[in-house]
Amino acid sequence: MKNIIQHINKAFDHRIRLGIMSILMVNESADFNTLKELLGVTDGNLASHAKALEAEEYIAIEKQFIGKKPNTSYKATKLGKKAFQEHIEALEKLIRKS
């Protein structure tokens, strides 16, 4: 049991971060407004949780302009995909053992 818990990643223990990663695992990328709408969060909440995932190098944030409008998009990194997959597998093992 202890070994399983070691693979549960604290970076994903908040529902917003879990949601961001879940969306990015099944989509090549997602922009700020899409994530905000899908997760039902405020601008500040999304930005702070995205920054936390970026600090862990689990997502890459790309800022650009489309016309004159700023556009921020997010992608899961290889490291982020691997860490998230391990996190989900650990949760599944924990549930099966219960």
N, C-alpha and C. Protein backbone atom coordinates (compact mmCIF):
# COMPACT_ATOMS: atom_id res chain seq x y z
N MET A 1 0.83 -1.20 0.00
CA MET A 1 0.00 0.00 0.00
C MET A 1 0.87 1.26 0.00
N LYS A 2 1.94 1.26 0.80
CA LYS A 2 2.82 2.44 0.88
C LYS A 2 3.43 2.75 -0.49
N ASN A 3 3.82 1.71 -1.21
CA ASN A 3 4.41 1.88 -2.53
C ASN A 3 3.44 2.57 -3.49
N ILE A 4 2.18 2.22 -3.42
CA ILE A 4 1.15 2.83 -4.29
C ILE A 4 1.04 4.32 -3.97
N ILE A 5 0.98 4.64 -2.71
CA ILE A 5 0.78 6.03 -2.30
C ILE A 5 1.94 6.92 -2.75
N GLN A 6 3.13 6.36 -2.87
CA GLN A 6 4.28 7.14 -3.34
C GLN A 6 4.07 7.65 -4.76
N HIS A 7 3.23 6.96 -5.55
CA HIS A 7 3.01 7.36 -6.93
C HIS A 7 1.84 8.33 -7.09
N ILE A 8 1.16 8.65 -6.00
CA ILE A 8 0.12 9.66 -6.05
C ILE A 8 0.82 11.01 -5.98
N ASN A 9 0.63 11.79 -7.02
CA ASN A 9 1.37 13.03 -7.21
C ASN A 9 0.62 14.22 -6.61
N LYS A 10 1.24 14.90 -5.65
CA LYS A 10 0.63 16.06 -4.99
C LYS A 10 0.29 17.18 -5.98
N ALA A 11 1.00 17.24 -7.08
CA ALA A 11 0.72 18.30 -8.08
C ALA A 11 -0.67 18.16 -8.67
N PHE A 12 -1.24 16.94 -8.61
CA PHE A 12 -2.55 16.70 -9.20
C PHE A 12 -3.66 16.56 -8.16
N ASP A 13 -3.37 16.88 -6.90
CA ASP A 13 -4.40 16.63 -5.88
C ASP A 13 -5.45 17.73 -5.76
N HIS A 14 -5.39 18.73 -6.60
CA HIS A 14 -6.44 19.74 -6.64
C HIS A 14 -7.31 19.49 -7.87
N ARG A 15 -8.61 19.61 -7.72
CA ARG A 15 -9.52 19.27 -8.81
C ARG A 15 -9.28 20.09 -10.09
N ILE A 16 -8.83 21.34 -9.95
CA ILE A 16 -8.59 22.16 -11.14
C ILE A 16 -7.37 21.63 -11.90
N ARG A 17 -6.30 21.30 -11.18
CA ARG A 17 -5.11 20.75 -11.84
C ARG A 17 -5.41 19.39 -12.44
N LEU A 18 -6.18 18.60 -11.75
CA LEU A 18 -6.60 17.30 -12.26
C LEU A 18 -7.41 17.49 -13.55
N GLY A 19 -8.28 18.48 -13.55
CA GLY A 19 -9.09 18.79 -14.73
C GLY A 19 -8.25 19.29 -15.90
N ILE A 20 -7.32 20.18 -15.63
CA ILE A 20 -6.44 20.69 -16.69
C ILE A 20 -5.71 19.54 -17.36
N MET A 21 -5.10 18.68 -16.53
CA MET A 21 -4.34 17.56 -17.09
C MET A 21 -5.24 16.58 -17.82
N SER A 22 -6.42 16.32 -17.30
CA SER A 22 -7.35 15.40 -17.96
C SER A 22 -7.70 15.90 -19.35
N ILE A 23 -7.98 17.18 -19.46
CA ILE A 23 -8.32 17.78 -20.76
C ILE A 23 -7.13 17.71 -21.71
N LEU A 24 -5.93 18.01 -21.19
CA LEU A 24 -4.74 18.04 -22.05
C LEU A 24 -4.26 16.63 -22.43
N MET A 25 -4.67 15.62 -21.70
CA MET A 25 -4.29 14.25 -22.05
C MET A 25 -5.06 13.76 -23.28
N VAL A 26 -6.25 14.28 -23.50
CA VAL A 26 -7.07 13.83 -24.62
C VAL A 26 -7.15 14.85 -25.76
N ASN A 27 -6.54 15.99 -25.59
CA ASN A 27 -6.49 17.03 -26.62
C ASN A 27 -5.04 17.44 -26.84
N GLU A 28 -4.69 17.72 -28.07
CA GLU A 28 -3.33 18.17 -28.39
C GLU A 28 -2.98 19.42 -27.57
N SER A 29 -3.95 20.34 -27.51
CA SER A 29 -3.78 21.57 -26.73
C SER A 29 -5.17 22.13 -26.44
N ALA A 30 -5.20 23.11 -25.57
CA ALA A 30 -6.46 23.81 -25.27
C ALA A 30 -6.11 25.25 -24.94
N ASP A 31 -6.98 26.17 -25.35
CA ASP A 31 -6.71 27.57 -25.03
C ASP A 31 -7.36 27.93 -23.69
N PHE A 32 -6.99 29.10 -23.21
CA PHE A 32 -7.42 29.57 -21.89
C PHE A 32 -8.93 29.54 -21.74
N ASN A 33 -9.64 30.11 -22.71
CA ASN A 33 -11.10 30.21 -22.61
C ASN A 33 -11.77 28.83 -22.63
N THR A 34 -11.23 27.92 -23.40
CA THR A 34 -11.78 26.56 -23.45
C THR A 34 -11.62 25.89 -22.09
N LEU A 35 -10.42 25.95 -21.53
CA LEU A 35 -10.18 25.36 -20.21
C LEU A 35 -11.07 26.01 -19.15
N LYS A 36 -11.16 27.32 -19.20
CA LYS A 36 -11.97 28.06 -18.23
C LYS A 36 -13.43 27.61 -18.29
N GLU A 37 -13.95 27.49 -19.50
CA GLU A 37 -15.34 27.10 -19.69
C GLU A 37 -15.58 25.64 -19.27
N LEU A 38 -14.70 24.74 -19.70
CA LEU A 38 -14.86 23.32 -19.38
C LEU A 38 -14.76 23.06 -17.87
N LEU A 39 -13.89 23.80 -17.20
CA LEU A 39 -13.66 23.58 -15.77
C LEU A 39 -14.56 24.44 -14.88
N GLY A 40 -15.17 25.46 -15.44
CA GLY A 40 -16.04 26.34 -14.66
C GLY A 40 -15.29 27.09 -13.57
N VAL A 41 -14.16 27.67 -13.94
CA VAL A 41 -13.32 28.38 -12.97
C VAL A 41 -13.11 29.83 -13.38
N THR A 42 -12.61 30.63 -12.45
CA THR A 42 -12.32 32.04 -12.75
C THR A 42 -10.97 32.14 -13.47
N ASP A 43 -10.73 33.29 -14.07
CA ASP A 43 -9.45 33.56 -14.74
C ASP A 43 -8.28 33.33 -13.78
N GLY A 44 -8.39 33.93 -12.60
CA GLY A 44 -7.30 33.84 -11.62
C GLY A 44 -7.03 32.42 -11.16
N ASN A 45 -8.12 31.67 -10.92
CA ASN A 45 -7.97 30.28 -10.49
C ASN A 45 -7.24 29.46 -11.56
N LEU A 46 -7.70 29.59 -12.79
CA LEU A 46 -7.08 28.84 -13.88
C LEU A 46 -5.62 29.23 -14.04
N ALA A 47 -5.35 30.52 -14.04
CA ALA A 47 -3.97 30.99 -14.23
C ALA A 47 -3.05 30.48 -13.13
N SER A 48 -3.48 30.52 -11.88
CA SER A 48 -2.60 30.09 -10.79
C SER A 48 -2.36 28.58 -10.83
N HIS A 49 -3.37 27.79 -11.15
CA HIS A 49 -3.17 26.34 -11.22
C HIS A 49 -2.35 25.95 -12.45
N ALA A 50 -2.53 26.67 -13.55
CA ALA A 50 -1.71 26.42 -14.74
C ALA A 50 -0.25 26.74 -14.45
N LYS A 51 -0.01 27.83 -13.72
CA LYS A 51 1.37 28.20 -13.36
C LYS A 51 2.01 27.13 -12.49
N ALA A 52 1.23 26.55 -11.58
CA ALA A 52 1.76 25.49 -10.71
C ALA A 52 2.16 24.27 -11.54
N LEU A 53 1.34 23.91 -12.52
CA LEU A 53 1.67 22.78 -13.39
C LEU A 53 2.86 23.11 -14.29
N GLU A 54 2.95 24.36 -14.73
CA GLU A 54 4.08 24.79 -15.55
C GLU A 54 5.37 24.74 -14.73
N ALA A 55 5.31 25.13 -13.48
CA ALA A 55 6.49 25.11 -12.61
C ALA A 55 7.03 23.69 -12.44
N GLU A 56 6.14 22.71 -12.47
CA GLU A 56 6.55 21.30 -12.38
C GLU A 56 7.01 20.75 -13.74
N GLU A 57 6.87 21.60 -14.79
CA GLU A 57 7.18 21.23 -16.17
C GLU A 57 6.24 20.14 -16.69
N TYR A 58 4.99 20.14 -16.19
CA TYR A 58 3.98 19.19 -16.64
C TYR A 58 3.16 19.74 -17.80
N ILE A 59 3.12 21.06 -17.95
CA ILE A 59 2.47 21.67 -19.10
C ILE A 59 3.36 22.78 -19.66
N ALA A 60 3.14 23.07 -20.93
CA ALA A 60 3.82 24.19 -21.57
C ALA A 60 2.74 25.23 -21.89
N ILE A 61 3.06 26.47 -21.61
CA ILE A 61 2.12 27.57 -21.87
C ILE A 61 2.69 28.41 -23.01
N GLU A 62 1.87 28.62 -24.03
CA GLU A 62 2.30 29.41 -25.19
C GLU A 62 1.39 30.61 -25.32
N LYS A 63 1.99 31.79 -25.32
CA LYS A 63 1.23 33.03 -25.48
C LYS A 63 1.54 33.62 -26.84
N GLN A 64 0.49 33.99 -27.55
CA GLN A 64 0.66 34.61 -28.87
C GLN A 64 -0.51 35.55 -29.13
N PHE A 65 -0.42 36.27 -30.21
CA PHE A 65 -1.52 37.14 -30.61
C PHE A 65 -2.16 36.56 -31.87
N ILE A 66 -3.49 36.53 -31.86
CA ILE A 66 -4.24 36.17 -33.06
C ILE A 66 -4.95 37.45 -33.46
N GLY A 67 -4.45 38.04 -34.53
CA GLY A 67 -4.88 39.39 -34.86
C GLY A 67 -4.33 40.29 -33.78
N LYS A 68 -5.21 41.04 -33.13
CA LYS A 68 -4.77 41.91 -32.03
C LYS A 68 -5.15 41.34 -30.67
N LYS A 69 -5.72 40.12 -30.68
CA LYS A 69 -6.17 39.52 -29.43
C LYS A 69 -5.12 38.55 -28.88
N PRO A 70 -4.82 38.67 -27.59
CA PRO A 70 -3.89 37.71 -27.00
C PRO A 70 -4.54 36.33 -26.90
N ASN A 71 -3.74 35.30 -27.11
CA ASN A 71 -4.24 33.93 -27.02
C ASN A 71 -3.22 33.10 -26.25
N THR A 72 -3.69 32.43 -25.22
CA THR A 72 -2.83 31.56 -24.42
C THR A 72 -3.30 30.13 -24.62
N SER A 73 -2.36 29.27 -24.99
CA SER A 73 -2.72 27.85 -25.14
C SER A 73 -1.81 27.00 -24.27
N TYR A 74 -2.31 25.83 -23.94
CA TYR A 74 -1.64 24.93 -23.02
C TYR A 74 -1.49 23.56 -23.66
N LYS A 75 -0.36 22.91 -23.40
CA LYS A 75 -0.10 21.55 -23.88
C LYS A 75 0.53 20.77 -22.74
N ALA A 76 0.19 19.50 -22.65
CA ALA A 76 0.85 18.63 -21.68
C ALA A 76 2.22 18.26 -22.25
N THR A 77 3.24 18.31 -21.41
CA THR A 77 4.58 17.91 -21.83
C THR A 77 4.71 16.39 -21.72
N LYS A 78 5.78 15.84 -22.28
CA LYS A 78 6.03 14.39 -22.15
C LYS A 78 6.13 14.01 -20.68
N LEU A 79 6.86 14.82 -19.92
CA LEU A 79 7.01 14.59 -18.48
C LEU A 79 5.65 14.64 -17.79
N GLY A 80 4.82 15.61 -18.16
CA GLY A 80 3.50 15.77 -17.57
C GLY A 80 2.59 14.58 -17.88
N LYS A 81 2.64 14.11 -19.12
CA LYS A 81 1.81 12.96 -19.51
C LYS A 81 2.22 11.72 -18.73
N LYS A 82 3.53 11.52 -18.59
CA LYS A 82 4.04 10.36 -17.86
C LYS A 82 3.64 10.44 -16.38
N ALA A 83 3.84 11.60 -15.77
CA ALA A 83 3.52 11.78 -14.36
C ALA A 83 2.02 11.61 -14.11
N PHE A 84 1.20 12.14 -15.01
CA PHE A 84 -0.24 12.04 -14.83
C PHE A 84 -0.70 10.59 -14.99
N GLN A 85 -0.14 9.89 -15.98
CA GLN A 85 -0.48 8.48 -16.19
C GLN A 85 -0.13 7.66 -14.94
N GLU A 86 1.04 7.91 -14.36
CA GLU A 86 1.46 7.21 -13.14
C GLU A 86 0.52 7.53 -11.99
N HIS A 87 0.09 8.78 -11.90
CA HIS A 87 -0.84 9.22 -10.86
C HIS A 87 -2.17 8.47 -10.99
N ILE A 88 -2.71 8.41 -12.19
CA ILE A 88 -3.99 7.73 -12.43
C ILE A 88 -3.86 6.23 -12.14
N GLU A 89 -2.77 5.63 -12.57
CA GLU A 89 -2.55 4.21 -12.31
C GLU A 89 -2.47 3.92 -10.81
N ALA A 90 -1.80 4.81 -10.07
CA ALA A 90 -1.71 4.64 -8.62
C ALA A 90 -3.08 4.75 -7.96
N LEU A 91 -3.89 5.69 -8.43
CA LEU A 91 -5.26 5.83 -7.90
C LEU A 91 -6.08 4.58 -8.19
N GLU A 92 -5.95 4.05 -9.41
CA GLU A 92 -6.68 2.84 -9.78
C GLU A 92 -6.28 1.66 -8.89
N LYS A 93 -4.98 1.51 -8.65
CA LYS A 93 -4.49 0.42 -7.80
C LYS A 93 -5.01 0.58 -6.38
N LEU A 94 -5.02 1.81 -5.91
CA LEU A 94 -5.50 2.09 -4.56
C LEU A 94 -6.99 1.72 -4.44
N ILE A 95 -7.76 2.06 -5.45
CA ILE A 95 -9.20 1.75 -5.44
C ILE A 95 -9.41 0.23 -5.48
N ARG A 96 -8.65 -0.46 -6.30
CA ARG A 96 -8.79 -1.92 -6.41
C ARG A 96 -8.42 -2.62 -5.11
N LYS A 97 -7.48 -2.07 -4.36
CA LYS A 97 -7.04 -2.68 -3.10
C LYS A 97 -8.02 -2.45 -1.98
N SER A 98 -8.84 -1.41 -2.10
CA SER A 98 -9.78 -1.07 -1.04
C SER A 98 -10.91 -2.07 -0.94
